[in-house]
Each structure stands twice: as structure tokens, then as C-alpha cells.
């Protein structure tokens, strides 16, 4: 009787851990595929958001306002 109970416990352990491992492996794979897909279609927008210059070079923001924005960002990040 005791051997049967231990065998059932090990079967349940392997089944449960196998299910979790399979789910997490699928989750990582699907997440990586979705990330690659999004990066493929939004490459230009990401480059612009990362701090690249405006493509046409014309800025509609006044220099004094741009300076105020930069100072606020620096203060928020803790730089002075």
C-alpha cells in the first residue's frame, strides 16, 4: 500500500511539473515571437522614441520651451 501511494505521488509530481514546464515554454516562445513581430513593424517609431532627430529636421517647438522641457526631464531623472 505504501509503495502505491509513493508511486501515485511521483506520478502526480511529474504530471504537474511537466504541465507547468510545457506552459512556461510555450509562453516564452509566444512572447518572443510577438516581440519580434512588433519590432518588425514598429522599427522606425522606436528609433524616433529613443531620441533620434526628427526626420524632416523642422522643429515646431520654440527653443526656450524645449530647454524648459529638457530641464524638467533632467530634474525628474535626478540629474542637475
PDB file of N, CA and C in Angstrom:
ATOM      1  N   UNK A   1       0.821  -1.188   0.000  1.00  0.00           N
ATOM      2  CA  UNK A   1       0.000   0.000   0.000  1.00  0.00           C
ATOM      3  C   UNK A   1       0.867   1.254   0.000  1.00  0.00           C
ATOM      4  N   UNK A   2       1.910   1.279   0.770  1.00  0.00           N
ATOM      5  CA  UNK A   2       2.770   2.451   0.865  1.00  0.00           C
ATOM      6  C   UNK A   2       3.497   2.706  -0.450  1.00  0.00           C
ATOM      7  N   UNK A   3       3.921   1.676  -1.128  1.00  0.00           N
ATOM      8  CA  UNK A   3       4.605   1.819  -2.402  1.00  0.00           C
ATOM      9  C   UNK A   3       3.656   2.419  -3.444  1.00  0.00           C
ATOM     10  N   UNK A   4       2.432   2.009  -3.422  1.00  0.00           N
ATOM     11  CA  UNK A   4       1.446   2.531  -4.360  1.00  0.00           C
ATOM     12  C   UNK A   4       1.201   4.020  -4.129  1.00  0.00           C
ATOM     13  N   UNK A   5       1.156   4.415  -2.875  1.00  0.00           N
ATOM     14  CA  UNK A   5       0.927   5.816  -2.547  1.00  0.00           C
ATOM     15  C   UNK A   5       2.105   6.678  -3.004  1.00  0.00           C
ATOM     16  N   UNK A   6       3.320   6.202  -2.822  1.00  0.00           N
ATOM     17  CA  UNK A   6       4.516   6.925  -3.261  1.00  0.00           C
ATOM     18  C   UNK A   6       4.548   7.004  -4.791  1.00  0.00           C
ATOM     19  N   UNK A   7       4.198   5.936  -5.455  1.00  0.00           N
ATOM     20  CA  UNK A   7       4.176   5.925  -6.921  1.00  0.00           C
ATOM     21  C   UNK A   7       3.134   6.913  -7.446  1.00  0.00           C
ATOM     22  N   UNK A   8       1.988   6.963  -6.794  1.00  0.00           N
ATOM     23  CA  UNK A   8       0.963   7.922  -7.212  1.00  0.00           C
ATOM     24  C   UNK A   8       1.434   9.360  -6.995  1.00  0.00           C
ATOM     25  N   UNK A   9       2.115   9.580  -5.892  1.00  0.00           N
ATOM     26  CA  UNK A   9       2.653  10.918  -5.609  1.00  0.00           C
ATOM     27  C   UNK A   9       3.680  11.334  -6.649  1.00  0.00           C
ATOM     28  N   UNK A  10       4.561  10.413  -7.028  1.00  0.00           N
ATOM     29  CA  UNK A  10       5.563  10.725  -8.055  1.00  0.00           C
ATOM     30  C   UNK A  10       4.917  10.943  -9.419  1.00  0.00           C
ATOM     31  N   UNK A  11       3.902  10.160  -9.732  1.00  0.00           N
ATOM     32  CA  UNK A  11       3.183  10.367 -10.994  1.00  0.00           C
ATOM     33  C   UNK A  11       2.537  11.758 -11.028  1.00  0.00           C
ATOM     34  N   UNK A  12       1.906  12.133  -9.925  1.00  0.00           N
ATOM     35  CA  UNK A  12       1.265  13.434  -9.847  1.00  0.00           C
ATOM     36  C   UNK A  12       2.304  14.555  -9.932  1.00  0.00           C
ATOM     37  N   UNK A  13       3.435  14.370  -9.289  1.00  0.00           N
ATOM     38  CA  UNK A  13       4.518  15.354  -9.335  1.00  0.00           C
ATOM     39  C   UNK A  13       5.022  15.544 -10.760  1.00  0.00           C
ATOM     40  N   UNK A  14       5.282  14.449 -11.450  1.00  0.00           N
ATOM     41  CA  UNK A  14       5.793  14.539 -12.822  1.00  0.00           C
ATOM     42  C   UNK A  14       4.754  15.138 -13.768  1.00  0.00           C
ATOM     43  N   UNK A  15       3.499  14.762 -13.597  1.00  0.00           N
ATOM     44  CA  UNK A  15       2.436  15.309 -14.438  1.00  0.00           C
ATOM     45  C   UNK A  15       2.286  16.823 -14.218  1.00  0.00           C
ATOM     46  N   UNK A  16       2.268  17.230 -12.978  1.00  0.00           N
ATOM     47  CA  UNK A  16       2.110  18.657 -12.654  1.00  0.00           C
ATOM     48  C   UNK A  16       3.289  19.492 -13.121  1.00  0.00           C
ATOM     49  N   UNK A  17       4.505  19.033 -12.839  1.00  0.00           N
ATOM     50  CA  UNK A  17       5.691  19.792 -13.247  1.00  0.00           C
ATOM     51  C   UNK A  17       5.838  19.795 -14.767  1.00  0.00           C
ATOM     52  N   UNK A  18       5.457  18.707 -15.405  1.00  0.00           N
ATOM     53  CA  UNK A  18       5.507  18.663 -16.871  1.00  0.00           C
ATOM     54  C   UNK A  18       4.532  19.641 -17.493  1.00  0.00           C
ATOM     55  N   UNK A  19       3.357  19.743 -16.897  1.00  0.00           N
ATOM     56  CA  UNK A  19       2.359  20.688 -17.388  1.00  0.00           C
ATOM     57  C   UNK A  19       2.851  22.122 -17.234  1.00  0.00           C
ATOM     58  N   UNK A  20       3.399  22.459 -16.082  1.00  0.00           N
ATOM     59  CA  UNK A  20       3.910  23.813 -15.847  1.00  0.00           C
ATOM     60  C   UNK A  20       5.079  24.112 -16.780  1.00  0.00           C
ATOM     61  N   UNK A  21       5.988  23.178 -16.942  1.00  0.00           N
ATOM     62  CA  UNK A  21       7.137  23.386 -17.834  1.00  0.00           C
ATOM     63  C   UNK A  21       6.676  23.613 -19.270  1.00  0.00           C
ATOM     64  N   UNK A  22       5.718  22.805 -19.720  1.00  0.00           N
ATOM     65  CA  UNK A  22       5.197  22.965 -21.084  1.00  0.00           C
ATOM     66  C   UNK A  22       4.523  24.323 -21.253  1.00  0.00           C
ATOM     67  N   UNK A  23       3.716  24.729 -20.294  1.00  0.00           N
ATOM     68  CA  UNK A  23       3.040  26.018 -20.372  1.00  0.00           C
ATOM     69  C   UNK A  23       4.037  27.162 -20.406  1.00  0.00           C
ATOM     70  N   UNK A  24       5.035  27.144 -19.528  1.00  0.00           N
ATOM     71  CA  UNK A  24       6.011  28.231 -19.485  1.00  0.00           C
ATOM     72  C   UNK A  24       6.866  28.276 -20.749  1.00  0.00           C
ATOM     73  N   UNK A  25       7.206  27.118 -21.299  1.00  0.00           N
ATOM     74  CA  UNK A  25       7.968  27.083 -22.547  1.00  0.00           C
ATOM     75  C   UNK A  25       7.156  27.693 -23.687  1.00  0.00           C
ATOM     76  N   UNK A  26       5.887  27.350 -23.778  1.00  0.00           N
ATOM     77  CA  UNK A  26       5.020  27.951 -24.790  1.00  0.00           C
ATOM     78  C   UNK A  26       4.879  29.451 -24.569  1.00  0.00           C
ATOM     79  N   UNK A  27       4.745  29.874 -23.326  1.00  0.00           N
ATOM     80  CA  UNK A  27       4.601  31.291 -23.010  1.00  0.00           C
ATOM     81  C   UNK A  27       5.828  32.081 -23.448  1.00  0.00           C
ATOM     82  N   UNK A  28       7.013  31.574 -23.162  1.00  0.00           N
ATOM     83  CA  UNK A  28       8.245  32.254 -23.566  1.00  0.00           C
ATOM     84  C   UNK A  28       8.360  32.290 -25.086  1.00  0.00           C
ATOM     85  N   UNK A  29       8.057  31.190 -25.750  1.00  0.00           N
ATOM     86  CA  UNK A  29       8.138  31.147 -27.206  1.00  0.00           C
ATOM     87  C   UNK A  29       7.172  32.101 -27.876  1.00  0.00           C
ATOM     88  N   UNK A  30       5.941  32.127 -27.410  1.00  0.00           N
ATOM     89  CA  UNK A  30       4.932  33.010 -27.991  1.00  0.00           C
ATOM     90  C   UNK A  30       5.282  34.473 -27.718  1.00  0.00           C
ATOM     91  N   UNK A  31       5.768  34.770 -26.513  1.00  0.00           N
ATOM     92  CA  UNK A  31       6.154  36.139 -26.185  1.00  0.00           C
ATOM     93  C   UNK A  31       7.314  36.606 -27.057  1.00  0.00           C
ATOM     94  N   UNK A  32       8.304  35.754 -27.276  1.00  0.00           N
ATOM     95  CA  UNK A  32       9.432  36.116 -28.135  1.00  0.00           C
ATOM     96  C   UNK A  32       8.978  36.335 -29.576  1.00  0.00           C
ATOM     97  N   UNK A  33       8.070  35.495 -30.058  1.00  0.00           N
ATOM     98  CA  UNK A  33       7.560  35.658 -31.424  1.00  0.00           C
ATOM     99  C   UNK A  33       6.767  36.955 -31.560  1.00  0.00           C
ATOM    100  N   UNK A  34       5.941  37.275 -30.583  1.00  0.00           N
ATOM    101  CA  UNK A  34       5.174  38.512 -30.635  1.00  0.00           C
ATOM    102  C   UNK A  34       6.093  39.731 -30.579  1.00  0.00           C
ATOM    103  N   UNK A  35       7.128  39.666 -29.760  1.00  0.00           N
ATOM    104  CA  UNK A  35       8.080  40.772 -29.665  1.00  0.00           C
ATOM    105  C   UNK A  35       8.794  40.989 -30.991  1.00  0.00           C
ATOM    106  N   UNK A  36       9.206  39.916 -31.641  1.00  0.00           N
ATOM    107  CA  UNK A  36       9.863  40.035 -32.943  1.00  0.00           C
ATOM    108  C   UNK A  36       8.910  40.605 -33.977  1.00  0.00           C
ATOM    109  N   UNK A  37       7.659  40.207 -33.922  1.00  0.00           N
ATOM    110  CA  UNK A  37       6.666  40.706 -34.871  1.00  0.00           C
ATOM    111  C   UNK A  37       6.415  42.200 -34.670  1.00  0.00           C
ATOM    112  N   UNK A  38       6.284  42.620 -33.431  1.00  0.00           N
ATOM    113  CA  UNK A  38       6.062  44.037 -33.151  1.00  0.00           C
ATOM    114  C   UNK A  38       7.278  44.859 -33.548  1.00  0.00           C
ATOM    115  N   UNK A  39       8.473  44.382 -33.252  1.00  0.00           N
ATOM    116  CA  UNK A  39       9.691  45.109 -33.614  1.00  0.00           C
ATOM    117  C   UNK A  39       9.837  45.236 -35.121  1.00  0.00           C
ATOM    118  N   UNK A  40       9.368  44.284 -35.866  1.00  0.00           N
ATOM    119  CA  UNK A  40       9.464  44.339 -37.323  1.00  0.00           C
ATOM    120  C   UNK A  40       8.614  45.480 -37.884  1.00  0.00           C
ATOM    121  N   UNK A  41       7.426  45.684 -37.321  1.00  0.00           N
ATOM    122  CA  UNK A  41       6.512  46.678 -37.862  1.00  0.00           C
ATOM    123  C   UNK A  41       6.686  48.070 -37.256  1.00  0.00           C
ATOM    124  N   UNK A  42       7.369  48.193 -36.134  1.00  0.00           N
ATOM    125  CA  UNK A  42       7.492  49.495 -35.471  1.00  0.00           C
ATOM    126  C   UNK A  42       8.938  49.942 -35.345  1.00  0.00           C
ATOM    127  N   UNK A  43       9.793  49.529 -36.238  1.00  0.00           N
ATOM    128  CA  UNK A  43      11.212  49.862 -36.127  1.00  0.00           C
ATOM    129  C   UNK A  43      11.455  51.364 -36.224  1.00  0.00           C
ATOM    130  N   UNK A  44      10.806  52.063 -37.155  1.00  0.00           N
ATOM    131  CA  UNK A  44      11.004  53.492 -37.298  1.00  0.00           C
ATOM    132  C   UNK A  44      10.500  54.254 -36.084  1.00  0.00           C
ATOM    133  N   UNK A  45       9.349  53.896 -35.567  1.00  0.00           N
ATOM    134  CA  UNK A  45       8.776  54.589 -34.433  1.00  0.00           C
ATOM    135  C   UNK A  45       9.625  54.413 -33.181  1.00  0.00           C
ATOM    136  N   UNK A  46      10.208  53.248 -32.991  1.00  0.00           N
ATOM    137  CA  UNK A  46      11.062  53.004 -31.835  1.00  0.00           C
ATOM    138  C   UNK A  46      12.316  53.851 -31.932  1.00  0.00           C
ATOM    139  N   UNK A  47      12.892  53.975 -33.116  1.00  0.00           N
ATOM    140  CA  UNK A  47      14.094  54.788 -33.289  1.00  0.00           C
ATOM    141  C   UNK A  47      13.787  56.240 -32.967  1.00  0.00           C
ATOM    142  N   UNK A  48      12.615  56.738 -33.361  1.00  0.00           N
ATOM    143  CA  UNK A  48      12.247  58.110 -33.066  1.00  0.00           C
ATOM    144  C   UNK A  48      12.026  58.298 -31.572  1.00  0.00           C
ATOM    145  N   UNK A  49      11.383  57.337 -30.924  1.00  0.00           N
ATOM    146  CA  UNK A  49      11.111  57.449 -29.498  1.00  0.00           C
ATOM    147  C   UNK A  49      12.376  57.340 -28.669  1.00  0.00           C
ATOM    148  N   UNK A  50      13.412  56.713 -29.206  1.00  0.00           N
ATOM    149  CA  UNK A  50      14.655  56.528 -28.461  1.00  0.00           C
ATOM    150  C   UNK A  50      15.504  57.788 -28.450  1.00  0.00           C
ATOM    151  N   UNK A  51      15.090  58.839 -29.127  1.00  0.00           N
ATOM    152  CA  UNK A  51      15.828  60.088 -29.073  1.00  0.00           C
ATOM    153  C   UNK A  51      16.454  60.483 -30.392  1.00  0.00           C
ATOM    154  N   UNK A  52      16.094  59.831 -31.468  1.00  0.00           N
ATOM    155  CA  UNK A  52      16.638  60.203 -32.766  1.00  0.00           C
ATOM    156  C   UNK A  52      16.073  61.555 -33.181  1.00  0.00           C
ATOM    157  N   UNK A  53      16.750  62.218 -34.068  1.00  0.00           N
ATOM    158  CA  UNK A  53      16.301  63.519 -34.542  1.00  0.00           C
ATOM    159  C   UNK A  53      15.018  63.376 -35.356  1.00  0.00           C
ATOM    160  N   UNK A  54      14.282  64.461 -35.457  1.00  0.00           N
ATOM    161  CA  UNK A  54      13.075  64.485 -36.275  1.00  0.00           C
ATOM    162  C   UNK A  54      13.504  64.303 -37.727  1.00  0.00           C
ATOM    163  N   UNK A  55      12.860  63.400 -38.471  1.00  0.00           N
ATOM    164  CA  UNK A  55      13.303  63.088 -39.828  1.00  0.00           C
ATOM    165  C   UNK A  55      13.391  64.294 -40.760  1.00  0.00           C
ATOM    166  N   UNK A  56      12.430  65.224 -40.711  1.00  0.00           N
ATOM    167  CA  UNK A  56      12.482  66.342 -41.645  1.00  0.00           C
ATOM    168  C   UNK A  56      13.334  67.498 -41.131  1.00  0.00           C
ATOM    169  N   UNK A  57      13.711  67.480 -39.872  1.00  0.00           N
ATOM    170  CA  UNK A  57      14.598  68.499 -39.321  1.00  0.00           C
ATOM    171  C   UNK A  57      13.882  69.768 -38.901  1.00  0.00           C
ATOM    172  N   UNK A  58      12.613  69.947 -39.199  1.00  0.00           N
ATOM    173  CA  UNK A  58      11.863  71.136 -38.806  1.00  0.00           C
ATOM    174  C   UNK A  58      11.237  70.903 -37.443  1.00  0.00           C
ATOM    175  N   UNK A  59      11.564  71.758 -36.495  1.00  0.00           N
ATOM    176  CA  UNK A  59      11.010  71.625 -35.167  1.00  0.00           C
ATOM    177  C   UNK A  59       9.989  72.724 -34.943  1.00  0.00           C
ATOM    178  N   UNK A  60       8.819  72.361 -34.471  1.00  0.00           N
ATOM    179  CA  UNK A  60       7.779  73.351 -34.234  1.00  0.00           C
ATOM    180  C   UNK A  60       7.786  73.829 -32.787  1.00  0.00           C
ATOM    181  N   UNK A  61       8.756  73.391 -31.989  1.00  0.00           N
ATOM    182  CA  UNK A  61       8.844  73.791 -30.593  1.00  0.00           C
ATOM    183  C   UNK A  61       9.875  74.909 -30.473  1.00  0.00           C
ATOM    184  N   UNK A  62       9.490  75.953 -29.762  1.00  0.00           N
ATOM    185  CA  UNK A  62      10.413  77.065 -29.559  1.00  0.00           C
ATOM    186  C   UNK A  62      11.595  76.611 -28.717  1.00  0.00           C
ATOM    187  N   UNK A  63      12.778  77.178 -28.950  1.00  0.00           N
ATOM    188  CA  UNK A  63      13.971  76.752 -28.200  1.00  0.00           C
ATOM    189  C   UNK A  63      13.837  76.931 -26.693  1.00  0.00           C
ATOM    190  N   UNK A  64      13.178  78.007 -26.251  1.00  0.00           N
ATOM    191  CA  UNK A  64      13.060  78.209 -24.799  1.00  0.00           C
ATOM    192  C   UNK A  64      12.136  77.161 -24.177  1.00  0.00           C
ATOM    193  N   UNK A  65      11.102  76.748 -24.904  1.00  0.00           N
ATOM    194  CA  UNK A  65      10.212  75.699 -24.400  1.00  0.00           C
ATOM    195  C   UNK A  65      10.932  74.359 -24.396  1.00  0.00           C
ATOM    196  N   UNK A  66      11.711  74.099 -25.434  1.00  0.00           N
ATOM    197  CA  UNK A  66      12.479  72.859 -25.484  1.00  0.00           C
ATOM    198  C   UNK A  66      13.473  72.798 -24.328  1.00  0.00           C
ATOM    199  N   UNK A  67      14.096  73.919 -23.993  1.00  0.00           N
ATOM    200  CA  UNK A  67      15.046  73.969 -22.879  1.00  0.00           C
ATOM    201  C   UNK A  67      14.320  73.702 -21.554  1.00  0.00           C
ATOM    202  N   UNK A  68      13.126  74.285 -21.381  1.00  0.00           N
ATOM    203  CA  UNK A  68      12.350  74.061 -20.159  1.00  0.00           C
ATOM    204  C   UNK A  68      11.954  72.599 -20.026  1.00  0.00           C
ATOM    205  N   UNK A  69      11.587  71.994 -21.126  1.00  0.00           N
ATOM    206  CA  UNK A  69      11.233  70.573 -21.113  1.00  0.00           C
ATOM    207  C   UNK A  69      12.444  69.738 -20.731  1.00  0.00           C
ATOM    208  N   UNK A  70      13.609  70.073 -21.306  1.00  0.00           N
ATOM    209  CA  UNK A  70      14.828  69.325 -21.000  1.00  0.00           C
ATOM    210  C   UNK A  70      15.211  69.458 -19.526  1.00  0.00           C
ATOM    211  N   UNK A  71      15.072  70.655 -18.972  1.00  0.00           N
ATOM    212  CA  UNK A  71      15.372  70.866 -17.550  1.00  0.00           C
ATOM    213  C   UNK A  71      14.424  70.041 -16.682  1.00  0.00           C
ATOM    214  N   UNK A  72      13.144  70.012 -17.034  1.00  0.00           N
ATOM    215  CA  UNK A  72      12.176  69.230 -16.259  1.00  0.00           C
ATOM    216  C   UNK A  72      12.491  67.742 -16.318  1.00  0.00           C
ATOM    217  N   UNK A  73      12.878  67.263 -17.492  1.00  0.00           N
ATOM    218  CA  UNK A  73      13.239  65.841 -17.628  1.00  0.00           C
ATOM    219  C   UNK A  73      14.470  65.527 -16.797  1.00  0.00           C
ATOM    220  N   UNK A  74      15.466  66.409 -16.840  1.00  0.00           N
ATOM    221  CA  UNK A  74      16.686  66.193 -16.053  1.00  0.00           C
ATOM    222  C   UNK A  74      16.395  66.183 -14.563  1.00  0.00           C
ATOM    223  N   UNK A  75      15.532  67.084 -14.098  1.00  0.00           N
ATOM    224  CA  UNK A  75      15.178  67.090 -12.688  1.00  0.00           C
ATOM    225  C   UNK A  75      14.419  65.829 -12.298  1.00  0.00           C
ATOM    226  N   UNK A  76      13.570  65.375 -13.179  1.00  0.00           N
ATOM    227  CA  UNK A  76      12.804  64.158 -12.885  1.00  0.00           C
ATOM    228  C   UNK A  76      13.731  62.948 -12.778  1.00  0.00           C
ATOM    229  N   UNK A  77      14.742  62.900 -13.617  1.00  0.00           N
ATOM    230  CA  UNK A  77      15.688  61.785 -13.589  1.00  0.00           C
ATOM    231  C   UNK A  77      16.728  61.923 -12.490  1.00  0.00           C
ATOM    232  N   UNK A  78      16.757  63.073 -11.830  1.00  0.00           N
ATOM    233  CA  UNK A  78      17.689  63.246 -10.719  1.00  0.00           C
ATOM    234  C   UNK A  78      19.012  63.860 -11.115  1.00  0.00           C
ATOM    235  N   UNK A  79      19.158  64.286 -12.350  1.00  0.00           N
ATOM    236  CA  UNK A  79      20.385  64.944 -12.796  1.00  0.00           C
ATOM    237  C   UNK A  79      20.244  66.450 -12.616  1.00  0.00           C
ATOM    238  N   UNK A  80      21.379  67.094 -12.400  1.00  0.00           N
ATOM    239  CA  UNK A  80      21.317  68.553 -12.273  1.00  0.00           C
ATOM    240  C   UNK A  80      22.405  69.194 -13.083  1.00  0.00           C
TER     241      UNK A  80
END
